Amino acid sequence: MIVKIILLLALLRVLAITEKPILCAGIYSSVALILGFMSGAALTYIAIAACVYFALSFLYFWLLNRFNHGPLYFVIMILGLGVGFV
């Protein structure tokens, strides 16, 4: 769980540089997929979880990219770190 939150924080920097939320969501869900395989979970569970991770993280990074220069950015950033707990 802590790895996912650290990864989200690192991907915030990647988003600031590239401004491509789909890239950040893809990296996040790929790492979640690899961690799922390493845990030995069922393949169906891993596939569904990776899709959910991708959808939630894409929404998170898209919102951050959309509200890049406003006060809402920090609210989304803090509240969105809850994606790492899913």
PDB file of N, CA and C in Angstrom:
ATOM      1  N   MET A   1       0.829  -1.184   0.000  1.00  0.00           N
ATOM      2  CA  MET A   1       0.000   0.000   0.000  1.00  0.00           C
ATOM      3  C   MET A   1       0.875   1.250   0.000  1.00  0.00           C
ATOM      4  N   ILE A   2       1.919   1.267   0.788  1.00  0.00           N
ATOM      5  CA  ILE A   2       2.793   2.440   0.842  1.00  0.00           C
ATOM      6  C   ILE A   2       3.539   2.610  -0.480  1.00  0.00           C
ATOM      7  N   VAL A   3       3.791   1.497  -1.164  1.00  0.00           N
ATOM      8  CA  VAL A   3       4.469   1.561  -2.463  1.00  0.00           C
ATOM      9  C   VAL A   3       3.584   2.288  -3.470  1.00  0.00           C
ATOM     10  N   LYS A   4       2.289   2.017  -3.435  1.00  0.00           N
ATOM     11  CA  LYS A   4       1.368   2.667  -4.361  1.00  0.00           C
ATOM     12  C   LYS A   4       1.294   4.171  -4.114  1.00  0.00           C
ATOM     13  N   ILE A   5       1.322   4.582  -2.868  1.00  0.00           N
ATOM     14  CA  ILE A   5       1.250   6.011  -2.555  1.00  0.00           C
ATOM     15  C   ILE A   5       2.533   6.715  -2.989  1.00  0.00           C
ATOM     16  N   ILE A   6       3.674   6.086  -2.751  1.00  0.00           N
ATOM     17  CA  ILE A   6       4.940   6.662  -3.209  1.00  0.00           C
ATOM     18  C   ILE A   6       4.966   6.742  -4.727  1.00  0.00           C
ATOM     19  N   LEU A   7       4.442   5.702  -5.374  1.00  0.00           N
ATOM     20  CA  LEU A   7       4.367   5.710  -6.829  1.00  0.00           C
ATOM     21  C   LEU A   7       3.459   6.830  -7.325  1.00  0.00           C
ATOM     22  N   LEU A   8       2.332   7.047  -6.677  1.00  0.00           N
ATOM     23  CA  LEU A   8       1.441   8.143  -7.066  1.00  0.00           C
ATOM     24  C   LEU A   8       2.143   9.495  -6.942  1.00  0.00           C
ATOM     25  N   LEU A   9       2.893   9.676  -5.879  1.00  0.00           N
ATOM     26  CA  LEU A   9       3.620  10.933  -5.706  1.00  0.00           C
ATOM     27  C   LEU A   9       4.684  11.122  -6.790  1.00  0.00           C
ATOM     28  N   ALA A  10       5.354  10.039  -7.162  1.00  0.00           N
ATOM     29  CA  ALA A  10       6.346  10.123  -8.234  1.00  0.00           C
ATOM     30  C   ALA A  10       5.665  10.409  -9.579  1.00  0.00           C
ATOM     31  N   LEU A  11       4.505   9.815  -9.776  1.00  0.00           N
ATOM     32  CA  LEU A  11       3.793  10.048 -11.031  1.00  0.00           C
ATOM     33  C   LEU A  11       3.216  11.454 -11.121  1.00  0.00           C
ATOM     34  N   LEU A  12       3.029  12.105  -9.996  1.00  0.00           N
ATOM     35  CA  LEU A  12       2.619  13.517 -10.035  1.00  0.00           C
ATOM     36  C   LEU A  12       3.694  14.361 -10.712  1.00  0.00           C
ATOM     37  N   ARG A  13       4.939  14.011 -10.447  1.00  0.00           N
ATOM     38  CA  ARG A  13       6.051  14.727 -11.090  1.00  0.00           C
ATOM     39  C   ARG A  13       6.097  14.422 -12.591  1.00  0.00           C
ATOM     40  N   VAL A  14       5.860  13.158 -12.934  1.00  0.00           N
ATOM     41  CA  VAL A  14       5.828  12.779 -14.349  1.00  0.00           C
ATOM     42  C   VAL A  14       4.700  13.520 -15.062  1.00  0.00           C
ATOM     43  N   LEU A  15       3.562  13.643 -14.410  1.00  0.00           N
ATOM     44  CA  LEU A  15       2.432  14.368 -14.993  1.00  0.00           C
ATOM     45  C   LEU A  15       2.767  15.839 -15.188  1.00  0.00           C
ATOM     46  N   ALA A  16       3.474  16.421 -14.239  1.00  0.00           N
ATOM     47  CA  ALA A  16       3.843  17.834 -14.359  1.00  0.00           C
ATOM     48  C   ALA A  16       4.771  18.058 -15.553  1.00  0.00           C
ATOM     49  N   ILE A  17       5.602  17.078 -15.846  1.00  0.00           N
ATOM     50  CA  ILE A  17       6.553  17.221 -16.957  1.00  0.00           C
ATOM     51  C   ILE A  17       5.895  16.909 -18.297  1.00  0.00           C
ATOM     52  N   THR A  18       5.163  15.786 -18.371  1.00  0.00           N
ATOM     53  CA  THR A  18       4.634  15.341 -19.660  1.00  0.00           C
ATOM     54  C   THR A  18       3.230  15.839 -19.962  1.00  0.00           C
ATOM     55  N   GLU A  19       2.425  16.102 -18.943  1.00  0.00           N
ATOM     56  CA  GLU A  19       1.018  16.490 -19.085  1.00  0.00           C
ATOM     57  C   GLU A  19       0.217  15.442 -19.855  1.00  0.00           C
ATOM     58  N   LYS A  20       0.535  14.154 -19.618  1.00  0.00           N
ATOM     59  CA  LYS A  20      -0.173  13.042 -20.249  1.00  0.00           C
ATOM     60  C   LYS A  20      -0.738  12.132 -19.166  1.00  0.00           C
ATOM     61  N   PRO A  21      -2.007  12.324 -18.811  1.00  0.00           N
ATOM     62  CA  PRO A  21      -2.585  11.510 -17.743  1.00  0.00           C
ATOM     63  C   PRO A  21      -2.690  10.033 -18.089  1.00  0.00           C
ATOM     64  N   ILE A  22      -2.839   9.715 -19.373  1.00  0.00           N
ATOM     65  CA  ILE A  22      -2.958   8.304 -19.744  1.00  0.00           C
ATOM     66  C   ILE A  22      -1.634   7.567 -19.546  1.00  0.00           C
ATOM     67  N   LEU A  23      -0.526   8.249 -19.726  1.00  0.00           N
ATOM     68  CA  LEU A  23       0.783   7.648 -19.469  1.00  0.00           C
ATOM     69  C   LEU A  23       0.944   7.328 -17.992  1.00  0.00           C
ATOM     70  N   CYS A  24       0.593   8.269 -17.147  1.00  0.00           N
ATOM     71  CA  CYS A  24       0.705   8.059 -15.702  1.00  0.00           C
ATOM     72  C   CYS A  24      -0.228   6.952 -15.228  1.00  0.00           C
ATOM     73  N   ALA A  25      -1.441   6.916 -15.768  1.00  0.00           N
ATOM     74  CA  ALA A  25      -2.393   5.859 -15.395  1.00  0.00           C
ATOM     75  C   ALA A  25      -1.903   4.499 -15.869  1.00  0.00           C
ATOM     76  N   GLY A  26      -1.299   4.448 -17.034  1.00  0.00           N
ATOM     77  CA  GLY A  26      -0.757   3.195 -17.544  1.00  0.00           C
ATOM     78  C   GLY A  26       0.389   2.679 -16.702  1.00  0.00           C
ATOM     79  N   ILE A  27       1.272   3.568 -16.286  1.00  0.00           N
ATOM     80  CA  ILE A  27       2.388   3.169 -15.420  1.00  0.00           C
ATOM     81  C   ILE A  27       1.862   2.671 -14.084  1.00  0.00           C
ATOM     82  N   TYR A  28       0.905   3.386 -13.520  1.00  0.00           N
ATOM     83  CA  TYR A  28       0.360   2.994 -12.217  1.00  0.00           C
ATOM     84  C   TYR A  28      -0.321   1.635 -12.280  1.00  0.00           C
ATOM     85  N   SER A  29      -1.146   1.421 -13.301  1.00  0.00           N
ATOM     86  CA  SER A  29      -1.844   0.136 -13.390  1.00  0.00           C
ATOM     87  C   SER A  29      -0.892  -0.998 -13.749  1.00  0.00           C
ATOM     88  N   SER A  30       0.166  -0.708 -14.491  1.00  0.00           N
ATOM     89  CA  SER A  30       1.162  -1.744 -14.798  1.00  0.00           C
ATOM     90  C   SER A  30       1.891  -2.197 -13.544  1.00  0.00           C
ATOM     91  N   VAL A  31       2.254  -1.258 -12.709  1.00  0.00           N
ATOM     92  CA  VAL A  31       2.914  -1.621 -11.450  1.00  0.00           C
ATOM     93  C   VAL A  31       1.954  -2.401 -10.554  1.00  0.00           C
ATOM     94  N   ALA A  32       0.689  -1.995 -10.525  1.00  0.00           N
ATOM     95  CA  ALA A  32      -0.304  -2.732  -9.742  1.00  0.00           C
ATOM     96  C   ALA A  32      -0.488  -4.145 -10.295  1.00  0.00           C
ATOM     97  N   LEU A  33      -0.420  -4.283 -11.611  1.00  0.00           N
ATOM     98  CA  LEU A  33      -0.528  -5.594 -12.238  1.00  0.00           C
ATOM     99  C   LEU A  33       0.660  -6.480 -11.862  1.00  0.00           C
ATOM    100  N   ILE A  34       1.842  -5.930 -11.892  1.00  0.00           N
ATOM    101  CA  ILE A  34       3.044  -6.682 -11.509  1.00  0.00           C
ATOM    102  C   ILE A  34       2.987  -7.085 -10.043  1.00  0.00           C
ATOM    103  N   LEU A  35       2.567  -6.172  -9.187  1.00  0.00           N
ATOM    104  CA  LEU A  35       2.441  -6.509  -7.764  1.00  0.00           C
ATOM    105  C   LEU A  35       1.381  -7.580  -7.543  1.00  0.00           C
ATOM    106  N   GLY A  36       0.339  -7.572  -8.362  1.00  0.00           N
ATOM    107  CA  GLY A  36      -0.692  -8.597  -8.264  1.00  0.00           C
ATOM    108  C   GLY A  36      -0.159  -9.972  -8.644  1.00  0.00           C
ATOM    109  N   PHE A  37       0.644 -10.015  -9.706  1.00  0.00           N
ATOM    110  CA  PHE A  37       1.246 -11.287 -10.097  1.00  0.00           C
ATOM    111  C   PHE A  37       2.206 -11.794  -9.032  1.00  0.00           C
ATOM    112  N   MET A  38       2.929 -10.881  -8.411  1.00  0.00           N
ATOM    113  CA  MET A  38       3.888 -11.282  -7.380  1.00  0.00           C
ATOM    114  C   MET A  38       3.186 -11.785  -6.120  1.00  0.00           C
ATOM    115  N   SER A  39       1.975 -11.334  -5.888  1.00  0.00           N
ATOM    116  CA  SER A  39       1.250 -11.772  -4.696  1.00  0.00           C
ATOM    117  C   SER A  39       0.641 -13.156  -4.872  1.00  0.00           C
ATOM    118  N   GLY A  40       0.533 -13.614  -6.110  1.00  0.00           N
ATOM    119  CA  GLY A  40      -0.012 -14.939  -6.358  1.00  0.00           C
ATOM    120  C   GLY A  40      -1.527 -14.977  -6.382  1.00  0.00           C
ATOM    121  N   ALA A  41      -2.157 -13.868  -6.646  1.00  0.00           N
ATOM    122  CA  ALA A  41      -3.618 -13.819  -6.693  1.00  0.00           C
ATOM    123  C   ALA A  41      -4.124 -14.462  -7.984  1.00  0.00           C
ATOM    124  N   ALA A  42      -5.409 -14.711  -8.029  1.00  0.00           N
ATOM    125  CA  ALA A  42      -6.020 -15.306  -9.217  1.00  0.00           C
ATOM    126  C   ALA A  42      -5.948 -14.340 -10.396  1.00  0.00           C
ATOM    127  N   LEU A  43      -5.821 -14.886 -11.583  1.00  0.00           N
ATOM    128  CA  LEU A  43      -5.660 -14.079 -12.783  1.00  0.00           C
ATOM    129  C   LEU A  43      -6.879 -13.192 -13.046  1.00  0.00           C
ATOM    130  N   THR A  44      -8.065 -13.695 -12.797  1.00  0.00           N
ATOM    131  CA  THR A  44      -9.281 -12.905 -12.988  1.00  0.00           C
ATOM    132  C   THR A  44      -9.305 -11.705 -12.051  1.00  0.00           C
ATOM    133  N   TYR A  45      -8.949 -11.939 -10.804  1.00  0.00           N
ATOM    134  CA  TYR A  45      -8.897 -10.851  -9.826  1.00  0.00           C
ATOM    135  C   TYR A  45      -7.870  -9.804 -10.241  1.00  0.00           C
ATOM    136  N   ILE A  46      -6.721 -10.237 -10.697  1.00  0.00           N
ATOM    137  CA  ILE A  46      -5.663  -9.306 -11.107  1.00  0.00           C
ATOM    138  C   ILE A  46      -6.111  -8.470 -12.298  1.00  0.00           C
ATOM    139  N   ALA A  47      -6.757  -9.096 -13.267  1.00  0.00           N
ATOM    140  CA  ALA A  47      -7.210  -8.370 -14.455  1.00  0.00           C
ATOM    141  C   ALA A  47      -8.271  -7.329 -14.107  1.00  0.00           C
ATOM    142  N   ILE A  48      -9.229  -7.698 -13.286  1.00  0.00           N
ATOM    143  CA  ILE A  48     -10.279  -6.758 -12.890  1.00  0.00           C
ATOM    144  C   ILE A  48      -9.691  -5.621 -12.059  1.00  0.00           C
ATOM    145  N   ALA A  49      -8.798  -5.957 -11.138  1.00  0.00           N
ATOM    146  CA  ALA A  49      -8.177  -4.934 -10.297  1.00  0.00           C
ATOM    147  C   ALA A  49      -7.347  -3.965 -11.136  1.00  0.00           C
ATOM    148  N   ALA A  50      -6.628  -4.474 -12.131  1.00  0.00           N
ATOM    149  CA  ALA A  50      -5.819  -3.598 -12.984  1.00  0.00           C
ATOM    150  C   ALA A  50      -6.708  -2.638 -13.775  1.00  0.00           C
ATOM    151  N   CYS A  51      -7.857  -3.111 -14.232  1.00  0.00           N
ATOM    152  CA  CYS A  51      -8.787  -2.234 -14.957  1.00  0.00           C
ATOM    153  C   CYS A  51      -9.353  -1.148 -14.043  1.00  0.00           C
ATOM    154  N   VAL A  52      -9.690  -1.528 -12.830  1.00  0.00           N
ATOM    155  CA  VAL A  52     -10.204  -0.550 -11.866  1.00  0.00           C
ATOM    156  C   VAL A  52      -9.118   0.459 -11.503  1.00  0.00           C
ATOM    157  N   TYR A  53      -7.892  -0.018 -11.284  1.00  0.00           N
ATOM    158  CA  TYR A  53      -6.782   0.883 -10.987  1.00  0.00           C
ATOM    159  C   TYR A  53      -6.556   1.856 -12.128  1.00  0.00           C
ATOM    160  N   PHE A  54      -6.623   1.351 -13.362  1.00  0.00           N
ATOM    161  CA  PHE A  54      -6.411   2.225 -14.507  1.00  0.00           C
ATOM    162  C   PHE A  54      -7.490   3.297 -14.581  1.00  0.00           C
ATOM    163  N   ALA A  55      -8.741   2.901 -14.409  1.00  0.00           N
ATOM    164  CA  ALA A  55      -9.850   3.864 -14.516  1.00  0.00           C
ATOM    165  C   ALA A  55      -9.760   4.933 -13.431  1.00  0.00           C
ATOM    166  N   LEU A  56      -9.536   4.513 -12.190  1.00  0.00           N
ATOM    167  CA  LEU A  56      -9.465   5.483 -11.095  1.00  0.00           C
ATOM    168  C   LEU A  56      -8.248   6.392 -11.211  1.00  0.00           C
ATOM    169  N   SER A  57      -7.109   5.804 -11.569  1.00  0.00           N
ATOM    170  CA  SER A  57      -5.912   6.634 -11.666  1.00  0.00           C
ATOM    171  C   SER A  57      -5.976   7.563 -12.874  1.00  0.00           C
ATOM    172  N   PHE A  58      -6.609   7.124 -13.973  1.00  0.00           N
ATOM    173  CA  PHE A  58      -6.764   8.020 -15.110  1.00  0.00           C
ATOM    174  C   PHE A  58      -7.645   9.206 -14.745  1.00  0.00           C
ATOM    175  N   LEU A  59      -8.737   8.942 -14.041  1.00  0.00           N
ATOM    176  CA  LEU A  59      -9.599  10.031 -13.590  1.00  0.00           C
ATOM    177  C   LEU A  59      -8.828  10.991 -12.685  1.00  0.00           C
ATOM    178  N   TYR A  60      -8.037  10.444 -11.776  1.00  0.00           N
ATOM    179  CA  TYR A  60      -7.243  11.250 -10.849  1.00  0.00           C
ATOM    180  C   TYR A  60      -6.234  12.124 -11.602  1.00  0.00           C
ATOM    181  N   PHE A  61      -5.473  11.527 -12.497  1.00  0.00           N
ATOM    182  CA  PHE A  61      -4.465  12.293 -13.225  1.00  0.00           C
ATOM    183  C   PHE A  61      -5.091  13.253 -14.223  1.00  0.00           C
ATOM    184  N   TRP A  62      -6.222  12.895 -14.795  1.00  0.00           N
ATOM    185  CA  TRP A  62      -6.897  13.807 -15.708  1.00  0.00           C
ATOM    186  C   TRP A  62      -7.395  15.044 -14.965  1.00  0.00           C
ATOM    187  N   LEU A  63      -7.989  14.824 -13.799  1.00  0.00           N
ATOM    188  CA  LEU A  63      -8.449  15.965 -13.003  1.00  0.00           C
ATOM    189  C   LEU A  63      -7.288  16.854 -12.576  1.00  0.00           C
ATOM    190  N   LEU A  64      -6.176  16.239 -12.193  1.00  0.00           N
ATOM    191  CA  LEU A  64      -5.012  17.037 -11.821  1.00  0.00           C
ATOM    192  C   LEU A  64      -4.485  17.829 -13.009  1.00  0.00           C
ATOM    193  N   ASN A  65      -4.484  17.219 -14.174  1.00  0.00           N
ATOM    194  CA  ASN A  65      -4.012  17.914 -15.362  1.00  0.00           C
ATOM    195  C   ASN A  65      -4.980  19.026 -15.764  1.00  0.00           C
ATOM    196  N   ARG A  66      -6.261  18.793 -15.575  1.00  0.00           N
ATOM    197  CA  ARG A  66      -7.288  19.787 -15.939  1.00  0.00           C
ATOM    198  C   ARG A  66      -7.222  21.016 -15.044  1.00  0.00           C
ATOM    199  N   PHE A  67      -7.060  20.808 -13.744  1.00  0.00           N
ATOM    200  CA  PHE A  67      -7.023  21.912 -12.786  1.00  0.00           C
ATOM    201  C   PHE A  67      -5.594  22.187 -12.340  1.00  0.00           C
ATOM    202  N   ASN A  68      -4.691  22.259 -13.293  1.00  0.00           N
ATOM    203  CA  ASN A  68      -3.269  22.372 -13.007  1.00  0.00           C
ATOM    204  C   ASN A  68      -2.898  23.659 -12.280  1.00  0.00           C
ATOM    205  N   HIS A  69      -3.506  24.755 -12.645  1.00  0.00           N
ATOM    206  CA  HIS A  69      -3.087  26.049 -12.096  1.00  0.00           C
ATOM    207  C   HIS A  69      -4.175  26.701 -11.259  1.00  0.00           C
ATOM    208  N   GLY A  70      -4.773  25.946 -10.385  1.00  0.00           N
ATOM    209  CA  GLY A  70      -5.817  26.523  -9.552  1.00  0.00           C
ATOM    210  C   GLY A  70      -5.756  25.986  -8.140  1.00  0.00           C
ATOM    211  N   PRO A  71      -6.543  26.577  -7.273  1.00  0.00           N
ATOM    212  CA  PRO A  71      -6.537  26.122  -5.879  1.00  0.00           C
ATOM    213  C   PRO A  71      -7.141  24.730  -5.715  1.00  0.00           C
ATOM    214  N   LEU A  72      -7.948  24.302  -6.674  1.00  0.00           N
ATOM    215  CA  LEU A  72      -8.566  22.983  -6.611  1.00  0.00           C
ATOM    216  C   LEU A  72      -7.542  21.867  -6.827  1.00  0.00           C
ATOM    217  N   TYR A  73      -6.407  22.196  -7.419  1.00  0.00           N
ATOM    218  CA  TYR A  73      -5.348  21.207  -7.681  1.00  0.00           C
ATOM    219  C   TYR A  73      -4.904  20.520  -6.391  1.00  0.00           C
ATOM    220  N   PHE A  74      -4.666  21.294  -5.362  1.00  0.00           N
ATOM    221  CA  PHE A  74      -4.172  20.719  -4.108  1.00  0.00           C
ATOM    222  C   PHE A  74      -5.233  19.905  -3.386  1.00  0.00           C
ATOM    223  N   VAL A  75      -6.482  20.313  -3.522  1.00  0.00           N
ATOM    224  CA  VAL A  75      -7.571  19.540  -2.927  1.00  0.00           C
ATOM    225  C   VAL A  75      -7.673  18.179  -3.613  1.00  0.00           C
ATOM    226  N   ILE A  76      -7.623  18.176  -4.947  1.00  0.00           N
ATOM    227  CA  ILE A  76      -7.680  16.928  -5.704  1.00  0.00           C
ATOM    228  C   ILE A  76      -6.461  16.066  -5.398  1.00  0.00           C
ATOM    229  N   MET A  77      -5.305  16.692  -5.286  1.00  0.00           N
ATOM    230  CA  MET A  77      -4.082  15.944  -5.025  1.00  0.00           C
ATOM    231  C   MET A  77      -4.151  15.214  -3.683  1.00  0.00           C
ATOM    232  N   ILE A  78      -4.587  15.885  -2.646  1.00  0.00           N
ATOM    233  CA  ILE A  78      -4.648  15.279  -1.313  1.00  0.00           C
ATOM    234  C   ILE A  78      -5.745  14.224  -1.238  1.00  0.00           C
ATOM    235  N   LEU A  79      -6.934  14.557  -1.715  1.00  0.00           N
ATOM    236  CA  LEU A  79      -8.036  13.601  -1.658  1.00  0.00           C
ATOM    237  C   LEU A  79      -7.814  12.412  -2.585  1.00  0.00           C
ATOM    238  N   GLY A  80      -7.140  12.649  -3.688  1.00  0.00           N
ATOM    239  CA  GLY A  80      -6.904  11.587  -4.655  1.00  0.00           C
ATOM    240  C   GLY A  80      -5.872  10.581  -4.214  1.00  0.00           C
ATOM    241  N   LEU A  81      -5.088  10.896  -3.226  1.00  0.00           N
ATOM    242  CA  LEU A  81      -4.129   9.908  -2.739  1.00  0.00           C
ATOM    243  C   LEU A  81      -4.830   8.695  -2.140  1.00  0.00           C
ATOM    244  N   GLY A  82      -6.122   8.826  -1.929  1.00  0.00           N
ATOM    245  CA  GLY A  82      -6.919   7.690  -1.491  1.00  0.00           C
ATOM    246  C   GLY A  82      -6.992   6.592  -2.542  1.00  0.00           C
ATOM    247  N   VAL A  83      -6.652   6.915  -3.797  1.00  0.00           N
ATOM    248  CA  VAL A  83      -6.595   5.906  -4.847  1.00  0.00           C
ATOM    249  C   VAL A  83      -5.571   4.834  -4.471  1.00  0.00           C
ATOM    250  N   GLY A  84      -4.529   5.239  -3.765  1.00  0.00           N
ATOM    251  CA  GLY A  84      -3.511   4.276  -3.342  1.00  0.00           C
ATOM    252  C   GLY A  84      -3.999   3.297  -2.305  1.00  0.00           C
ATOM    253  N   PHE A  85      -5.118   3.606  -1.668  1.00  0.00           N
ATOM    254  CA  PHE A  85      -5.666   2.700  -0.639  1.00  0.00           C
ATOM    255  C   PHE A  85      -6.670   1.721  -1.224  1.00  0.00           C
ATOM    256  N   VAL A  86      -7.036   1.895  -2.502  1.00  0.00           N
ATOM    257  CA  VAL A  86      -8.022   1.002  -3.132  1.00  0.00           C
ATOM    258  C   VAL A  86      -7.353  -0.296  -3.512  1.00  0.00           C
TER     259      VAL A  86
END
